[in-house]
Amino acid sequence: MEKRENYLYYGDNIDILRNKIDKESVDLCYIDPPFNSKRNYNQIYNNIGKEDKAQTIAFVDTWEWDEAAIKGFNEIQSGSFPVKAADLIISLQKILGNGSLLAYLTSLTIRINEIHKVLKKTGSFFIHCDPAASHYIKLICDSVFCSQGGDFLNEIIWHYKRYTAKSGRFQRLHDVIFWYSKGINYTFNDIREGYGEKSGKKDSHYKQDVEGKWYRWQKRKGKEPYKIYLSEGRRVGDVWEIPIINASARERLGYPTQKPIELLKKIIKFASNENDTVLDCYCGCGTTIDAAEELKRKWIGVDITYNSICLIEYRMMSTYNNDVSYKLFGIPRDIESAKALAERTDSTRKEFEKWAILTFTNNRAMINEKKGSDGGIDGKARIHDKDGWKDVLFSVKSGNYTIDMVRAFRDSINVNNAICGFMIVMEKPTKGMIQISKELGSYKGTYVKEIPKMQFIMVQEIIDKTAEYPFLEFTMEVIKKAEKKEIEEEFEFDDD
């Protein structure tokens, strides 16, 4: 089987789009950018109320009108963007004011403009929208694509059924997907769908021809009627009824915004061909690249959270039995790149913590996303012993750390009745710190040898793959199909 060139990038998609992906090299791009829809939309529109911090930590700053948002706003006005896109953002500022919604739209405008650059002249762009902001997003796409020779092709309605609770308004049972082309020539495969079991022989309008094929006559005003054969199928419309992923579905990974693979396969089949390149620069749990791989397309995936990268690697390994060839970029390969990840911003520092813990445990830990007083606990894992499930704690220190921090983590191990804890550090601990760790004594379980209850793990050891996580075989898998939600509930982190 021919190996296709595929790429998975861990990092900010704006950097990847500008520096890692060649201009006019992508045939199809699909994105499902995060939007803070859990808040009342009127609050977002009027810039009132607190931000919903449930969004992954790496995106929190994006939805605030801060220095990064102002820098992006000014960049759009710099003359390097389409004039209509710049005019649109200025107009939206007058309507929305300087708040989280304008910050979100500014961020999206910058990225959509870069996506336009990496698309081939025959390329297509699909953007999956929350209905609360789809009208603004369409204006942005119009200003970038239609002002540069592209075209708006379809508003696709993804319709689904689900349990609907009592409400004072109609339940939302659809998502919106906009389809744009970069130029007048683009790929559209007229793939037909079957009519279904209830059509055909049971329909009195259908007859059989001499070859036994079922057909009916289609009348046309002022023109000769023509035959429609059941075997040819029907053309697909712009309303797609595809079930959402239910709790027991085999493909379910527990990722909060996971979309069904059938939805992405449909998009890819209609708008690309085998060996075309498919890009998703908000790839989350990897549904787009999974669909692209299955359909024999080349793919490029980008995500800013290390959780997503781990989940994608797990997904591709388990789905294709390690028979997928791709290059992974952005993961620290030496101490310098690890320090660079830790020292850039608060968001990337959190990503450094995720990388350190998940790499050390082979993705068998749950990250503590909460901020505040946590006793230095940045993650937890659970191991099974003769007395049931027990906690293992993790603390990550990316720079200098104090003896008081070591004491606080030691106390957290005791207070939480954890069997042991690992402090992952850049700098070697002092003799005093080592003495504090030794005060906890050791742990000896049913299946593991005796080990210290508190250990220091050097980042360099993780990079060199010499750091041994002793409970690998007995630790609950966090990334596991259909059971993710229950596991997350087991891994609650206290605020204090």
Protein backbone atom coordinates (compact mmCIF):
# COMPACT_ATOMS: atom_id res chain seq x y z
CA MET A 1 0.00 0.00 0.00
CA GLU A 2 1.35 3.42 -0.95
CA LYS A 3 2.18 5.61 2.04
CA ARG A 4 0.74 9.10 1.84
CA GLU A 5 2.44 12.19 3.26
CA ASN A 6 0.40 13.18 6.32
CA TYR A 7 1.19 15.76 9.00
CA LEU A 8 0.02 16.32 12.57
CA TYR A 9 1.00 19.63 14.18
CA TYR A 10 0.85 20.53 17.86
CA GLY A 11 0.69 24.30 18.14
CA ASP A 12 -1.22 27.49 17.38
CA ASN A 13 -2.85 27.08 13.97
CA ILE A 14 -1.98 30.63 12.90
CA ASP A 15 1.73 29.82 13.22
CA ILE A 16 1.30 26.53 11.37
CA LEU A 17 -0.76 28.08 8.56
CA ARG A 18 1.81 30.82 8.03
CA ASN A 19 5.04 28.91 8.46
CA LYS A 20 4.50 25.19 7.89
CA ILE A 21 1.89 24.75 5.14
CA ASP A 22 2.76 25.75 1.58
CA LYS A 23 0.62 28.29 -0.21
CA GLU A 24 -1.97 26.77 -2.57
CA SER A 25 -1.23 23.20 -1.43
CA VAL A 26 -4.56 22.16 0.14
CA ASP A 27 -7.57 20.78 -1.76
CA LEU A 28 -10.15 20.88 1.03
CA CYS A 29 -10.22 22.53 4.43
CA TYR A 30 -12.85 21.82 7.07
CA ILE A 31 -12.86 23.55 10.45
CA ASP A 32 -15.10 23.38 13.48
CA PRO A 33 -13.74 26.28 15.54
CA PRO A 34 -14.70 26.45 19.21
CA PHE A 35 -17.37 28.95 20.18
CA ASN A 36 -18.47 29.83 23.69
CA SER A 37 -22.10 28.81 23.17
CA LYS A 38 -22.76 27.71 26.76
CA ARG A 39 -23.23 31.34 27.75
CA ASN A 40 -26.43 33.21 27.06
CA TYR A 41 -25.95 34.67 23.58
CA ASN A 42 -27.31 38.04 24.65
CA GLN A 43 -24.55 38.21 27.26
CA ILE A 44 -21.90 37.60 24.61
CA TYR A 45 -23.46 40.14 22.26
CA ASN A 46 -23.65 42.82 24.93
CA ASN A 47 -20.35 41.88 26.58
CA ILE A 48 -21.89 41.27 29.99
CA GLY A 49 -21.38 38.44 32.45
CA LYS A 50 -18.32 36.33 33.12
CA GLU A 51 -16.48 34.27 30.55
CA ASP A 52 -17.27 30.56 30.55
CA LYS A 53 -13.97 28.99 31.54
CA ALA A 54 -15.17 25.55 30.48
CA GLN A 55 -13.46 26.10 27.14
CA THR A 56 -10.10 24.41 26.98
CA ILE A 57 -7.49 26.50 28.74
CA ALA A 58 -5.50 27.26 25.59
CA PHE A 59 -8.40 29.18 24.09
CA VAL A 60 -9.49 31.23 27.12
CA ASP A 61 -7.42 34.30 26.22
CA THR A 62 -8.71 34.25 22.65
CA TRP A 63 -12.21 35.29 23.67
CA GLU A 64 -11.22 38.31 25.71
CA TRP A 65 -10.62 41.80 24.36
CA ASP A 66 -6.99 41.90 25.45
CA GLU A 67 -3.62 42.79 23.92
CA ALA A 68 -3.71 39.75 21.62
CA ALA A 69 -7.18 40.70 20.31
CA ILE A 70 -6.14 44.34 19.79
CA LYS A 71 -3.00 43.20 17.94
CA GLY A 72 -5.11 40.99 15.68
CA PHE A 73 -7.62 43.79 15.06
CA ASN A 74 -4.81 46.17 14.05
CA GLU A 75 -3.24 43.52 11.81
CA ILE A 76 -6.49 43.20 9.85
CA GLN A 77 -6.37 46.97 9.26
CA SER A 78 -2.69 46.90 8.19
CA GLY A 79 -3.39 46.58 4.46
CA SER A 80 -2.36 42.93 4.10
CA PHE A 81 -5.96 41.68 4.39
CA PRO A 82 -8.79 41.98 1.85
CA VAL A 83 -10.27 45.49 2.04
CA LYS A 84 -13.76 44.15 2.61
CA ALA A 85 -12.58 42.02 5.55
CA ALA A 86 -10.97 45.08 7.14
CA ASP A 87 -14.09 47.18 6.55
CA LEU A 88 -16.27 44.44 8.01
CA ILE A 89 -14.32 44.16 11.27
CA ILE A 90 -14.40 47.96 11.75
CA SER A 91 -18.16 47.91 11.18
CA LEU A 92 -18.62 45.06 13.65
CA GLN A 93 -16.62 46.97 16.24
CA LYS A 94 -19.16 49.79 15.99
CA ILE A 95 -22.02 47.35 16.53
CA LEU A 96 -20.53 44.92 19.07
CA GLY A 97 -18.03 47.06 20.94
CA ASN A 98 -14.70 45.77 22.21
CA GLY A 99 -15.62 42.49 23.88
CA SER A 100 -15.36 38.72 23.70
CA LEU A 101 -17.49 38.34 20.57
CA LEU A 102 -15.40 40.82 18.57
CA ALA A 103 -12.23 39.13 19.89
CA TYR A 104 -13.56 35.79 18.67
CA LEU A 105 -14.49 37.15 15.23
CA THR A 106 -11.13 38.92 14.91
CA SER A 107 -9.29 35.68 15.66
CA LEU A 108 -11.43 33.81 13.16
CA THR A 109 -10.96 36.41 10.41
CA ILE A 110 -7.17 36.14 10.68
CA ARG A 111 -7.28 32.36 10.43
CA ILE A 112 -9.82 32.19 7.59
CA ASN A 113 -7.64 34.59 5.61
CA GLU A 114 -4.63 32.28 6.09
CA ILE A 115 -6.72 29.23 5.14
CA HIS A 116 -7.65 31.01 1.91
CA LYS A 117 -3.93 31.39 1.12
CA VAL A 118 -3.07 27.68 1.58
CA LEU A 119 -6.03 26.48 -0.50
CA LYS A 120 -5.42 25.63 -4.13
CA LYS A 121 -7.27 27.72 -6.70
CA THR A 122 -9.60 24.72 -7.06
CA GLY A 123 -9.92 24.26 -3.31
CA SER A 124 -13.00 24.19 -1.06
CA PHE A 125 -13.58 25.49 2.46
CA PHE A 126 -16.17 24.16 4.92
CA ILE A 127 -16.78 25.87 8.25
CA HIS A 128 -18.97 24.33 10.92
CA CYS A 129 -20.85 27.01 12.88
CA ASP A 130 -22.82 27.39 16.02
CA PRO A 131 -26.14 29.08 15.02
CA ALA A 132 -25.50 31.78 17.63
CA ALA A 133 -22.69 33.25 15.53
CA SER A 134 -23.20 31.77 12.05
CA HIS A 135 -24.53 35.05 10.62
CA TYR A 136 -21.33 36.85 11.61
CA ILE A 137 -19.16 34.01 10.35
CA LYS A 138 -20.85 34.06 6.95
CA LEU A 139 -20.05 37.76 6.62
CA ILE A 140 -16.40 37.04 7.39
CA CYS A 141 -16.25 34.21 4.83
CA ASP A 142 -17.94 36.41 2.22
CA SER A 143 -15.43 39.19 2.85
CA VAL A 144 -12.45 36.83 2.44
CA PHE A 145 -13.59 34.39 -0.24
CA CYS A 146 -16.14 36.21 -2.40
CA SER A 147 -14.05 39.40 -2.54
CA GLN A 148 -11.15 37.43 -4.04
CA GLY A 149 -12.90 35.52 -6.81
CA GLY A 150 -14.40 32.75 -4.70
CA ASP A 151 -18.03 31.81 -4.24
CA PHE A 152 -20.49 30.84 -1.55
CA LEU A 153 -21.86 27.45 -2.66
CA ASN A 154 -24.14 26.10 0.06
CA GLU A 155 -25.46 26.46 3.56
CA ILE A 156 -25.61 22.84 4.67
CA ILE A 157 -27.94 21.99 7.52
CA TRP A 158 -26.83 19.04 9.61
CA HIS A 159 -30.07 17.82 11.16
CA TYR A 160 -30.08 15.36 14.06
CA LYS A 161 -32.50 13.96 16.58
CA ARG A 162 -31.93 13.88 20.31
CA TYR A 163 -33.73 14.04 23.63
CA THR A 164 -35.31 17.47 24.06
CA ALA A 165 -35.93 18.84 27.54
CA LYS A 166 -38.67 21.27 28.50
CA SER A 167 -37.85 24.74 27.25
CA GLY A 168 -39.37 28.14 26.53
CA ARG A 169 -38.26 27.98 22.91
CA PHE A 170 -37.86 25.49 20.06
CA GLN A 171 -35.12 22.96 20.65
CA ARG A 172 -32.00 23.28 18.53
CA LEU A 173 -31.76 20.19 16.34
CA HIS A 174 -29.30 21.33 13.69
CA ASP A 175 -25.87 22.77 13.02
CA VAL A 176 -24.83 25.00 10.12
CA ILE A 177 -21.97 24.28 7.72
CA PHE A 178 -20.99 26.85 5.08
CA TRP A 179 -19.29 25.72 1.87
CA TYR A 180 -17.09 28.14 -0.11
CA SER A 181 -14.90 27.66 -3.17
CA LYS A 182 -11.70 29.62 -3.72
CA GLY A 183 -12.36 29.92 -7.47
CA ILE A 184 -14.90 29.12 -10.13
CA ASN A 185 -13.45 25.65 -10.70
CA TYR A 186 -13.74 23.26 -7.78
CA THR A 187 -14.34 19.58 -7.09
CA PHE A 188 -17.93 18.40 -6.76
CA ASN A 189 -18.58 14.69 -7.01
CA ASP A 190 -22.26 14.07 -7.78
CA ILE A 191 -22.57 11.05 -5.52
CA ARG A 192 -26.13 9.74 -5.32
CA GLU A 193 -27.95 8.33 -2.30
CA GLY A 194 -30.29 5.34 -2.33
CA TYR A 195 -34.04 5.90 -2.23
CA GLY A 196 -34.54 3.52 0.66
CA GLU A 197 -36.55 0.36 1.21
CA LYS A 198 -39.95 2.05 1.00
CA SER A 199 -39.36 3.35 -2.50
CA GLY A 200 -39.62 1.47 -5.77
CA LYS A 201 -41.58 -1.72 -6.05
CA LYS A 202 -44.12 -0.65 -3.43
CA ASP A 203 -44.66 2.67 -5.22
CA SER A 204 -47.32 2.41 -7.97
CA HIS A 205 -45.52 5.14 -9.94
CA TYR A 206 -42.62 2.80 -10.65
CA LYS A 207 -42.50 0.26 -13.45
CA GLN A 208 -39.97 -2.24 -14.76
CA ASP A 209 -38.27 -1.95 -18.12
CA VAL A 210 -37.40 -4.91 -20.33
CA GLU A 211 -34.20 -5.46 -18.34
CA GLY A 212 -36.10 -5.56 -15.03
CA LYS A 213 -34.88 -2.16 -13.79
CA TRP A 214 -37.35 -0.07 -11.80
CA TYR A 215 -38.06 3.45 -13.05
CA ARG A 216 -40.62 6.23 -13.11
CA TRP A 217 -41.28 9.10 -15.51
CA GLN A 218 -40.28 12.60 -14.45
CA LYS A 219 -42.44 15.24 -16.10
CA ARG A 220 -41.06 18.68 -17.03
CA LYS A 221 -43.11 21.67 -18.10
CA GLY A 222 -42.65 22.33 -21.81
CA LYS A 223 -40.12 19.51 -22.18
CA GLU A 224 -40.14 15.81 -22.84
CA PRO A 225 -40.40 13.64 -19.69
CA TYR A 226 -37.46 11.43 -18.82
CA LYS A 227 -36.91 8.23 -16.87
CA ILE A 228 -35.56 8.19 -13.33
CA TYR A 229 -34.12 4.81 -12.34
CA LEU A 230 -34.07 3.69 -8.72
CA SER A 231 -30.63 2.20 -9.21
CA GLU A 232 -29.19 5.65 -10.04
CA GLY A 233 -30.15 7.00 -6.64
CA ARG A 234 -31.18 10.54 -5.82
CA ARG A 235 -29.16 13.72 -5.74
CA VAL A 236 -28.17 14.99 -2.31
CA GLY A 237 -29.75 18.17 -0.98
CA ASP A 238 -28.46 20.71 1.51
CA VAL A 239 -30.18 19.15 4.55
CA TRP A 240 -28.26 16.13 5.87
CA GLU A 241 -29.87 13.93 8.49
CA ILE A 242 -27.03 12.18 10.29
CA PRO A 243 -27.41 10.87 13.86
CA ILE A 244 -25.31 12.42 16.61
CA ILE A 245 -22.89 10.10 18.41
CA ASN A 246 -24.82 8.27 21.11
CA ALA A 247 -23.36 7.17 24.43
CA SER A 248 -22.76 3.57 23.32
CA ALA A 249 -21.42 4.27 19.81
CA ARG A 250 -18.15 2.51 18.94
CA GLU A 251 -16.61 5.74 17.63
CA ARG A 252 -17.40 7.71 20.78
CA LEU A 253 -14.25 9.07 22.43
CA GLY A 254 -15.83 11.33 25.03
CA TYR A 255 -14.52 14.49 23.36
CA PRO A 256 -17.11 17.22 24.09
CA THR A 257 -17.54 18.49 20.52
CA GLN A 258 -16.88 15.24 18.65
CA LYS A 259 -18.75 15.03 15.33
CA PRO A 260 -19.86 11.75 13.68
CA ILE A 261 -17.37 10.44 11.16
CA GLU A 262 -20.17 9.97 8.62
CA LEU A 263 -20.62 13.75 8.49
CA LEU A 264 -16.94 14.31 7.62
CA LYS A 265 -16.84 11.41 5.18
CA LYS A 266 -19.75 12.94 3.32
CA ILE A 267 -18.02 16.31 3.01
CA ILE A 268 -14.73 14.75 1.91
CA LYS A 269 -16.36 12.42 -0.64
CA PHE A 270 -18.29 15.24 -2.32
CA ALA A 271 -15.56 17.88 -2.40
CA SER A 272 -12.28 16.00 -2.94
CA ASN A 273 -10.73 13.02 -4.68
CA GLU A 274 -8.32 10.26 -3.65
CA ASN A 275 -4.82 11.56 -2.81
CA ASP A 276 -6.10 15.13 -2.44
CA THR A 277 -4.91 16.96 0.69
CA VAL A 278 -7.44 17.60 3.46
CA LEU A 279 -6.71 20.15 6.22
CA ASP A 280 -8.33 20.60 9.62
CA CYS A 281 -6.60 23.24 11.73
CA TYR A 282 -8.94 22.83 14.73
CA CYS A 283 -8.82 19.06 14.57
CA GLY A 284 -9.86 18.25 18.17
CA CYS A 285 -10.22 14.49 18.49
CA GLY A 286 -9.27 13.86 14.86
CA THR A 287 -12.55 12.99 13.15
CA THR A 288 -11.57 14.82 9.95
CA ILE A 289 -8.20 13.12 9.62
CA ASP A 290 -9.72 9.74 10.49
CA ALA A 291 -12.26 10.20 7.67
CA ALA A 292 -9.56 11.43 5.29
CA GLU A 293 -7.37 8.43 6.06
CA GLU A 294 -10.25 6.00 5.49
CA LEU A 295 -11.05 7.66 2.15
CA LYS A 296 -7.40 7.59 1.00
CA ARG A 297 -6.76 11.32 1.15
CA LYS A 298 -3.60 12.98 2.40
CA TRP A 299 -4.24 14.98 5.55
CA ILE A 300 -2.91 17.77 7.75
CA GLY A 301 -4.18 18.12 11.31
CA VAL A 302 -3.46 20.98 13.71
CA ASP A 303 -4.46 21.49 17.33
CA ILE A 304 -3.23 23.70 20.13
CA THR A 305 -3.98 21.30 23.01
CA TYR A 306 -1.79 18.35 23.87
CA ASN A 307 -4.85 16.40 25.04
CA SER A 308 -6.12 16.45 21.46
CA ILE A 309 -2.79 15.33 20.01
CA CYS A 310 -2.72 12.38 22.43
CA LEU A 311 -6.29 11.47 21.59
CA ILE A 312 -5.64 11.64 17.84
CA GLU A 313 -2.56 9.43 18.13
CA TYR A 314 -4.54 6.93 20.16
CA ARG A 315 -7.40 7.03 17.67
CA MET A 316 -5.22 6.47 14.62
CA MET A 317 -3.30 3.69 16.33
CA SER A 318 -6.41 1.82 17.50
CA THR A 319 -8.39 2.35 14.28
CA TYR A 320 -5.64 1.48 11.80
CA ASN A 321 -3.47 -0.84 13.91
CA ASN A 322 -0.45 1.44 13.67
CA ASP A 323 -0.56 1.25 9.87
CA VAL A 324 -0.80 5.01 9.36
CA SER A 325 2.20 7.01 8.24
CA TYR A 326 2.39 10.63 9.42
CA LYS A 327 4.91 13.13 10.70
CA LEU A 328 4.34 14.72 14.10
CA PHE A 329 5.62 18.24 14.75
CA GLY A 330 5.60 20.59 17.73
CA ILE A 331 6.21 18.07 20.51
CA PRO A 332 9.32 18.88 22.60
CA ARG A 333 12.26 16.79 21.37
CA ASP A 334 14.97 18.35 23.53
CA ILE A 335 15.29 20.42 26.68
CA GLU A 336 15.44 23.70 24.72
CA SER A 337 12.10 23.11 22.99
CA ALA A 338 10.59 21.98 26.29
CA LYS A 339 11.69 25.22 27.94
CA ALA A 340 10.37 27.23 24.98
CA LEU A 341 6.95 25.63 25.39
CA ALA A 342 6.96 26.29 29.13
CA GLU A 343 8.12 29.90 28.99
CA ARG A 344 6.03 31.45 26.19
CA THR A 345 2.63 32.21 27.76
CA ASP A 346 0.33 31.02 30.52
CA SER A 347 -1.56 28.93 27.96
CA THR A 348 1.52 27.18 26.58
CA ARG A 349 2.81 26.66 30.12
CA LYS A 350 -0.33 24.67 30.82
CA GLU A 351 0.29 22.75 27.62
CA PHE A 352 3.81 22.00 28.88
CA GLU A 353 2.29 20.51 32.04
CA LYS A 354 -0.02 18.34 29.93
CA TRP A 355 2.82 17.19 27.71
CA ALA A 356 5.01 16.28 30.70
CA ILE A 357 2.35 14.33 32.58
CA LEU A 358 0.79 12.57 29.60
CA THR A 359 4.14 11.64 28.07
CA PHE A 360 5.45 10.29 31.37
CA THR A 361 2.29 8.17 31.96
CA ASN A 362 1.74 7.16 28.33
CA ASN A 363 -1.54 9.13 28.29
CA ARG A 364 -2.90 7.47 31.41
CA ALA A 365 -3.59 10.59 33.48
CA MET A 366 -6.27 13.24 33.76
CA ILE A 367 -5.10 16.85 33.71
CA ASN A 368 -6.28 19.33 36.33
CA GLU A 369 -7.63 22.23 34.21
CA LYS A 370 -8.76 24.30 37.20
CA LYS A 371 -6.88 27.34 38.38
CA GLY A 372 -6.40 28.38 41.95
CA SER A 373 -5.23 26.72 45.15
CA ASP A 374 -4.76 23.05 44.33
CA GLY A 375 -1.82 22.04 46.50
CA GLY A 376 0.36 21.81 43.42
CA ILE A 377 -1.71 19.02 41.86
CA ASP A 378 -1.56 19.28 38.06
CA GLY A 379 -2.86 15.81 37.29
CA LYS A 380 -4.08 12.47 38.62
CA ALA A 381 -3.98 8.84 37.59
CA ARG A 382 -5.75 5.85 39.10
CA ILE A 383 -4.23 2.43 39.66
CA HIS A 384 -5.96 -0.74 40.71
CA ASP A 385 -4.67 -2.49 43.80
CA LYS A 386 -6.06 -5.27 45.96
CA ASP A 387 -8.05 -2.71 47.96
CA GLY A 388 -9.57 -1.05 44.87
CA TRP A 389 -8.73 2.07 42.91
CA LYS A 390 -6.05 4.39 44.32
CA ASP A 391 -4.86 7.88 43.29
CA VAL A 392 -1.44 8.86 41.98
CA LEU A 393 -0.74 12.62 41.92
CA PHE A 394 1.44 14.73 39.62
CA SER A 395 2.93 18.20 40.00
CA VAL A 396 4.89 19.98 37.25
CA LYS A 397 7.36 22.81 37.81
CA SER A 398 8.59 24.37 34.58
CA GLY A 399 11.09 26.76 36.18
CA ASN A 400 12.50 27.49 39.60
CA TYR A 401 10.59 25.94 42.47
CA THR A 402 10.88 26.37 46.21
CA ILE A 403 11.10 24.09 49.18
CA ASP A 404 7.65 25.33 50.23
CA MET A 405 6.23 24.05 46.93
CA VAL A 406 7.74 20.66 47.65
CA ARG A 407 6.20 20.66 51.13
CA ALA A 408 2.79 21.66 49.70
CA PHE A 409 2.86 18.75 47.25
CA ARG A 410 3.98 16.35 49.98
CA ASP A 411 1.03 17.49 52.10
CA SER A 412 -1.35 17.05 49.15
CA ILE A 413 -0.26 13.42 48.81
CA ASN A 414 -1.12 12.88 52.48
CA VAL A 415 -4.38 14.85 52.51
CA ASN A 416 -5.69 13.14 49.37
CA ASN A 417 -4.65 9.71 50.69
CA ALA A 418 -2.77 9.11 47.43
CA ILE A 419 -0.48 6.12 47.25
CA CYS A 420 2.31 8.28 45.81
CA GLY A 421 3.14 11.43 43.88
CA PHE A 422 5.56 12.48 41.13
CA MET A 423 7.00 15.99 40.91
CA ILE A 424 8.18 16.64 37.34
CA VAL A 425 10.87 19.33 37.30
CA MET A 426 13.34 21.10 35.00
CA GLU A 427 15.94 21.77 37.69
CA LYS A 428 17.43 19.20 40.05
CA PRO A 429 15.99 19.22 43.59
CA THR A 430 18.15 20.35 46.49
CA LYS A 431 19.21 18.07 49.34
CA GLY A 432 16.56 19.69 51.52
CA MET A 433 13.84 18.96 48.97
CA ILE A 434 14.94 15.33 48.65
CA GLN A 435 14.87 14.99 52.45
CA ILE A 436 11.26 16.27 52.54
CA SER A 437 10.24 13.72 49.92
CA LYS A 438 11.88 10.91 51.87
CA GLU A 439 9.77 11.75 54.94
CA LEU A 440 6.75 10.19 53.24
CA GLY A 441 8.38 6.77 53.17
CA SER A 442 7.58 4.18 50.51
CA TYR A 443 4.67 2.36 48.94
CA LYS A 444 4.49 -1.34 48.12
CA GLY A 445 1.42 -2.56 46.30
CA THR A 446 0.16 -5.96 45.28
CA TYR A 447 1.56 -5.74 41.77
CA VAL A 448 4.44 -3.28 42.04
CA LYS A 449 7.77 -3.25 43.77
CA GLU A 450 8.42 -0.92 46.67
CA ILE A 451 8.87 2.66 45.52
CA PRO A 452 9.20 6.06 47.26
CA LYS A 453 5.85 7.73 47.93
CA MET A 454 7.22 10.96 46.49
CA GLN A 455 9.67 11.11 43.60
CA PHE A 456 11.29 13.79 41.46
CA ILE A 457 11.24 13.16 37.71
CA MET A 458 13.49 15.25 35.50
CA VAL A 459 12.09 16.63 32.22
CA GLN A 460 15.28 15.50 30.52
CA GLU A 461 14.50 11.93 31.60
CA ILE A 462 11.08 12.18 29.94
CA ILE A 463 12.68 13.46 26.72
CA ASP A 464 15.29 10.69 26.83
CA LYS A 465 12.54 8.13 27.63
CA THR A 466 14.46 6.92 30.66
CA ALA A 467 11.78 7.98 33.17
CA GLU A 468 9.80 4.91 34.19
CA TYR A 469 6.17 5.20 35.23
CA PRO A 470 5.88 2.12 37.46
CA PHE A 471 2.12 1.60 37.25
CA LEU A 472 1.68 1.50 33.48
CA GLU A 473 0.00 -1.91 33.33
CA PHE A 474 -2.35 -1.25 36.22
CA THR A 475 -3.48 2.30 35.51
CA MET A 476 -6.98 3.11 34.28
CA GLU A 477 -6.93 4.25 30.66
CA VAL A 478 -8.27 7.79 30.38
CA ILE A 479 -8.54 7.66 26.60
CA LYS A 480 -11.01 4.86 26.09
CA LYS A 481 -14.03 4.64 23.86
CA ALA A 482 -17.52 5.04 25.34
CA GLU A 483 -16.20 5.11 28.91
CA LYS A 484 -14.56 8.54 28.87
CA LYS A 485 -17.43 10.39 30.55
CA GLU A 486 -17.56 8.00 33.49
CA ILE A 487 -13.78 8.21 33.88
CA GLU A 488 -13.90 12.00 33.87
CA GLU A 489 -16.50 11.90 36.65
CA GLU A 490 -14.12 9.73 38.69
CA PHE A 491 -11.36 12.30 38.25
CA GLU A 492 -12.93 15.30 39.96
CA PHE A 493 -10.45 17.95 41.14
CA ASP A 494 -11.26 19.96 44.24
CA ASP A 495 -10.93 23.74 44.14
CA ASP A 496 -9.15 23.77 47.45
